[in-house]
Amino acid sequence: MRGALFALVAAASLVGCTPLFVPPVPADLPEIPPRLRVADARLERLEGRPALRLTVREVPRDGWLAVQWFPPAGFEVASASVWLADDDAGRTVTLRLPDDVGPLRDGRWRVVVSWEGTYVRQLEWREPAGGPSAGGS
């Protein structure tokens, strides 16, 4: 009798451990809008200048890929755009910081990538004083 009572109490207490989903998950979830997917993005040096090399994995629709370059604690110093079509999946795009920007100041620089006005990725690098693109000897 004592064992049966213990089993009944144990079973009742286990029912209380059933997880509840609060708030409940809605039956009709909102659709996630398609977005640009990037397989790889990195910064390299081309002819002594920083360059963004980006490989596109998926392009949801035709549109503009925009890139903005920012110096340490400053406003945008250069930008570029590339038109991508939905069949450009797997394409690698290389955008080099223009020659008219320089000499490059010492500090942390960044490049921001966006797709049709939506943020995609930001990459940063540290430009050394007197570095390869500083214009000095």
C-alpha atoms as a PDB file:
ATOM      1  CA  MET A   1       0.000   0.000   0.000  1.00  0.00           C
ATOM      2  CA  ARG A   2       2.776   2.363   0.913  1.00  0.00           C
ATOM      3  CA  GLY A   3       4.588   1.598  -2.370  1.00  0.00           C
ATOM      4  CA  ALA A   4       1.457   2.291  -4.407  1.00  0.00           C
ATOM      5  CA  LEU A   5       0.955   5.621  -2.649  1.00  0.00           C
ATOM      6  CA  PHE A   6       4.596   6.577  -3.368  1.00  0.00           C
ATOM      7  CA  ALA A   7       4.186   5.626  -7.053  1.00  0.00           C
ATOM      8  CA  LEU A   8       1.017   7.713  -7.296  1.00  0.00           C
ATOM      9  CA  VAL A   9       2.714  10.771  -5.737  1.00  0.00           C
ATOM     10  CA  ALA A  10       5.779  10.326  -7.965  1.00  0.00           C
ATOM     11  CA  ALA A  11       3.636  10.069 -11.117  1.00  0.00           C
ATOM     12  CA  ALA A  12       1.632  13.158 -10.141  1.00  0.00           C
ATOM     13  CA  SER A  13       4.770  15.183  -9.514  1.00  0.00           C
ATOM     14  CA  LEU A  14       6.280  14.181 -12.887  1.00  0.00           C
ATOM     15  CA  VAL A  15       3.218  15.524 -14.676  1.00  0.00           C
ATOM     16  CA  GLY A  16       4.037  18.888 -13.127  1.00  0.00           C
ATOM     17  CA  CYS A  17       7.429  18.832 -14.910  1.00  0.00           C
ATOM     18  CA  THR A  18       5.883  18.866 -18.378  1.00  0.00           C
ATOM     19  CA  PRO A  19       7.217  21.949 -20.194  1.00  0.00           C
ATOM     20  CA  LEU A  20       4.702  24.584 -21.128  1.00  0.00           C
ATOM     21  CA  PHE A  21       5.264  26.844 -24.108  1.00  0.00           C
ATOM     22  CA  VAL A  22       4.259  30.302 -22.964  1.00  0.00           C
ATOM     23  CA  PRO A  23       3.460  32.183 -25.049  1.00  0.00           C
ATOM     24  CA  PRO A  24       2.199  29.458 -27.353  1.00  0.00           C
ATOM     25  CA  VAL A  25       3.922  29.148 -30.731  1.00  0.00           C
ATOM     26  CA  PRO A  26       1.566  30.596 -33.366  1.00  0.00           C
ATOM     27  CA  ALA A  27       0.320  28.177 -36.001  1.00  0.00           C
ATOM     28  CA  ASP A  28       1.041  30.527 -38.905  1.00  0.00           C
ATOM     29  CA  LEU A  29       4.565  31.873 -38.443  1.00  0.00           C
ATOM     30  CA  PRO A  30       5.517  35.016 -40.354  1.00  0.00           C
ATOM     31  CA  GLU A  31       7.529  34.467 -43.507  1.00  0.00           C
ATOM     32  CA  ILE A  32      11.229  35.245 -43.184  1.00  0.00           C
ATOM     33  CA  PRO A  33      12.175  37.622 -46.008  1.00  0.00           C
ATOM     34  CA  PRO A  34      14.875  36.338 -48.359  1.00  0.00           C
ATOM     35  CA  ARG A  35      18.290  37.899 -47.876  1.00  0.00           C
ATOM     36  CA  LEU A  36      21.688  37.944 -49.463  1.00  0.00           C
ATOM     37  CA  ARG A  37      23.871  35.118 -48.163  1.00  0.00           C
ATOM     38  CA  VAL A  38      27.645  35.445 -48.203  1.00  0.00           C
ATOM     39  CA  ALA A  39      29.881  32.366 -48.292  1.00  0.00           C
ATOM     40  CA  ASP A  40      33.137  34.205 -47.597  1.00  0.00           C
ATOM     41  CA  ALA A  41      34.224  37.785 -46.973  1.00  0.00           C
ATOM     42  CA  ARG A  42      37.776  38.881 -46.247  1.00  0.00           C
ATOM     43  CA  LEU A  43      40.114  41.825 -46.514  1.00  0.00           C
ATOM     44  CA  GLU A  44      43.263  41.508 -48.606  1.00  0.00           C
ATOM     45  CA  ARG A  45      45.962  43.801 -49.974  1.00  0.00           C
ATOM     46  CA  LEU A  46      45.955  44.417 -53.718  1.00  0.00           C
ATOM     47  CA  GLU A  47      48.788  46.602 -54.983  1.00  0.00           C
ATOM     48  CA  GLY A  48      49.303  47.825 -51.421  1.00  0.00           C
ATOM     49  CA  ARG A  49      45.673  48.902 -50.953  1.00  0.00           C
ATOM     50  CA  PRO A  50      42.981  47.245 -48.820  1.00  0.00           C
ATOM     51  CA  ALA A  51      40.466  45.278 -50.873  1.00  0.00           C
ATOM     52  CA  LEU A  52      37.299  43.440 -49.960  1.00  0.00           C
ATOM     53  CA  ARG A  53      36.895  39.999 -51.519  1.00  0.00           C
ATOM     54  CA  LEU A  54      33.390  38.632 -51.099  1.00  0.00           C
ATOM     55  CA  THR A  55      31.880  35.383 -52.396  1.00  0.00           C
ATOM     56  CA  VAL A  56      28.108  35.363 -52.754  1.00  0.00           C
ATOM     57  CA  ARG A  57      26.325  32.160 -51.795  1.00  0.00           C
ATOM     58  CA  GLU A  58      22.722  33.161 -52.538  1.00  0.00           C
ATOM     59  CA  VAL A  59      21.126  36.196 -54.202  1.00  0.00           C
ATOM     60  CA  PRO A  60      17.378  36.381 -53.470  1.00  0.00           C
ATOM     61  CA  ARG A  61      16.624  38.851 -56.297  1.00  0.00           C
ATOM     62  CA  ASP A  62      18.444  41.281 -58.558  1.00  0.00           C
ATOM     63  CA  GLY A  63      19.806  44.274 -56.655  1.00  0.00           C
ATOM     64  CA  TRP A  64      22.721  46.408 -55.506  1.00  0.00           C
ATOM     65  CA  LEU A  65      25.517  45.264 -53.245  1.00  0.00           C
ATOM     66  CA  ALA A  66      26.951  48.413 -51.658  1.00  0.00           C
ATOM     67  CA  VAL A  67      30.284  48.853 -49.884  1.00  0.00           C
ATOM     68  CA  GLN A  68      31.304  51.844 -47.757  1.00  0.00           C
ATOM     69  CA  TRP A  69      34.832  52.472 -46.436  1.00  0.00           C
ATOM     70  CA  PHE A  70      35.330  54.290 -43.112  1.00  0.00           C
ATOM     71  CA  PRO A  71      38.573  55.608 -41.576  1.00  0.00           C
ATOM     72  CA  PRO A  72      39.297  55.627 -37.838  1.00  0.00           C
ATOM     73  CA  ALA A  73      36.692  57.812 -36.095  1.00  0.00           C
ATOM     74  CA  GLY A  74      35.569  59.365 -39.335  1.00  0.00           C
ATOM     75  CA  PHE A  75      32.897  59.655 -41.970  1.00  0.00           C
ATOM     76  CA  GLU A  76      32.669  57.573 -45.125  1.00  0.00           C
ATOM     77  CA  VAL A  77      35.632  58.204 -47.442  1.00  0.00           C
ATOM     78  CA  ALA A  78      34.667  55.956 -50.361  1.00  0.00           C
ATOM     79  CA  SER A  79      31.892  53.742 -51.624  1.00  0.00           C
ATOM     80  CA  ALA A  80      31.201  51.364 -54.459  1.00  0.00           C
ATOM     81  CA  SER A  81      28.268  49.319 -55.712  1.00  0.00           C
ATOM     82  CA  VAL A  82      27.948  46.154 -57.743  1.00  0.00           C
ATOM     83  CA  TRP A  83      24.782  44.919 -59.441  1.00  0.00           C
ATOM     84  CA  LEU A  84      24.052  41.287 -58.624  1.00  0.00           C
ATOM     85  CA  ALA A  85      21.484  39.128 -60.380  1.00  0.00           C
ATOM     86  CA  ASP A  86      19.798  36.094 -58.892  1.00  0.00           C
ATOM     87  CA  ASP A  87      22.014  33.819 -61.010  1.00  0.00           C
ATOM     88  CA  ASP A  88      25.231  35.289 -59.498  1.00  0.00           C
ATOM     89  CA  ALA A  89      25.385  32.689 -56.713  1.00  0.00           C
ATOM     90  CA  GLY A  90      29.011  31.572 -56.363  1.00  0.00           C
ATOM     91  CA  ARG A  91      30.373  34.793 -57.860  1.00  0.00           C
ATOM     92  CA  THR A  92      33.366  36.410 -56.170  1.00  0.00           C
ATOM     93  CA  VAL A  93      33.438  40.207 -56.116  1.00  0.00           C
ATOM     94  CA  THR A  94      36.589  42.186 -55.329  1.00  0.00           C
ATOM     95  CA  LEU A  95      36.345  45.881 -54.446  1.00  0.00           C
ATOM     96  CA  ARG A  96      39.560  47.799 -53.766  1.00  0.00           C
ATOM     97  CA  LEU A  97      39.767  51.014 -51.745  1.00  0.00           C
ATOM     98  CA  PRO A  98      40.173  53.716 -54.419  1.00  0.00           C
ATOM     99  CA  ASP A  99      43.567  55.332 -54.964  1.00  0.00           C
ATOM    100  CA  ASP A 100      42.154  58.817 -54.367  1.00  0.00           C
ATOM    101  CA  VAL A 101      41.706  57.912 -50.676  1.00  0.00           C
ATOM    102  CA  GLY A 102      44.986  58.344 -48.935  1.00  0.00           C
ATOM    103  CA  PRO A 103      47.351  58.381 -47.398  1.00  0.00           C
ATOM    104  CA  LEU A 104      45.612  56.017 -44.998  1.00  0.00           C
ATOM    105  CA  ARG A 105      45.620  57.128 -41.383  1.00  0.00           C
ATOM    106  CA  ASP A 106      46.908  54.935 -38.608  1.00  0.00           C
ATOM    107  CA  GLY A 107      44.126  53.177 -36.725  1.00  0.00           C
ATOM    108  CA  ARG A 108      41.147  50.902 -37.056  1.00  0.00           C
ATOM    109  CA  TRP A 109      39.410  51.077 -40.428  1.00  0.00           C
ATOM    110  CA  ARG A 110      36.191  49.346 -41.378  1.00  0.00           C
ATOM    111  CA  VAL A 111      34.231  48.398 -44.462  1.00  0.00           C
ATOM    112  CA  VAL A 112      30.460  47.951 -44.334  1.00  0.00           C
ATOM    113  CA  VAL A 113      28.599  45.754 -46.829  1.00  0.00           C
ATOM    114  CA  SER A 114      24.881  46.190 -47.437  1.00  0.00           C
ATOM    115  CA  TRP A 115      22.328  44.705 -49.789  1.00  0.00           C
ATOM    116  CA  GLU A 116      19.512  46.925 -51.013  1.00  0.00           C
ATOM    117  CA  GLY A 117      19.935  49.105 -47.908  1.00  0.00           C
ATOM    118  CA  THR A 118      20.066  46.205 -45.432  1.00  0.00           C
ATOM    119  CA  TYR A 119      23.227  45.539 -43.414  1.00  0.00           C
ATOM    120  CA  VAL A 120      25.050  42.343 -44.422  1.00  0.00           C
ATOM    121  CA  ARG A 121      28.508  42.425 -42.845  1.00  0.00           C
ATOM    122  CA  GLN A 122      31.222  44.671 -41.404  1.00  0.00           C
ATOM    123  CA  LEU A 123      34.928  43.914 -41.525  1.00  0.00           C
ATOM    124  CA  GLU A 124      37.663  45.783 -39.668  1.00  0.00           C
ATOM    125  CA  TRP A 125      41.412  46.034 -39.904  1.00  0.00           C
ATOM    126  CA  ARG A 126      44.155  48.036 -38.272  1.00  0.00           C
ATOM    127  CA  GLU A 127      46.187  50.268 -40.557  1.00  0.00           C
ATOM    128  CA  PRO A 128      49.716  50.623 -39.182  1.00  0.00           C
ATOM    129  CA  ALA A 129      51.445  54.002 -39.016  1.00  0.00           C
ATOM    130  CA  GLY A 130      53.641  54.355 -42.075  1.00  0.00           C
ATOM    131  CA  GLY A 131      52.073  51.197 -43.526  1.00  0.00           C
ATOM    132  CA  PRO A 132      52.168  50.079 -47.156  1.00  0.00           C
ATOM    133  CA  SER A 133      49.466  52.521 -48.270  1.00  0.00           C
ATOM    134  CA  ALA A 134      50.541  55.493 -46.152  1.00  0.00           C
ATOM    135  CA  GLY A 135      52.256  57.137 -49.104  1.00  0.00           C
ATOM    136  CA  GLY A 136      55.591  57.497 -47.301  1.00  0.00           C
ATOM    137  CA  SER A 137      58.919  55.961 -48.173  1.00  0.00           C
END
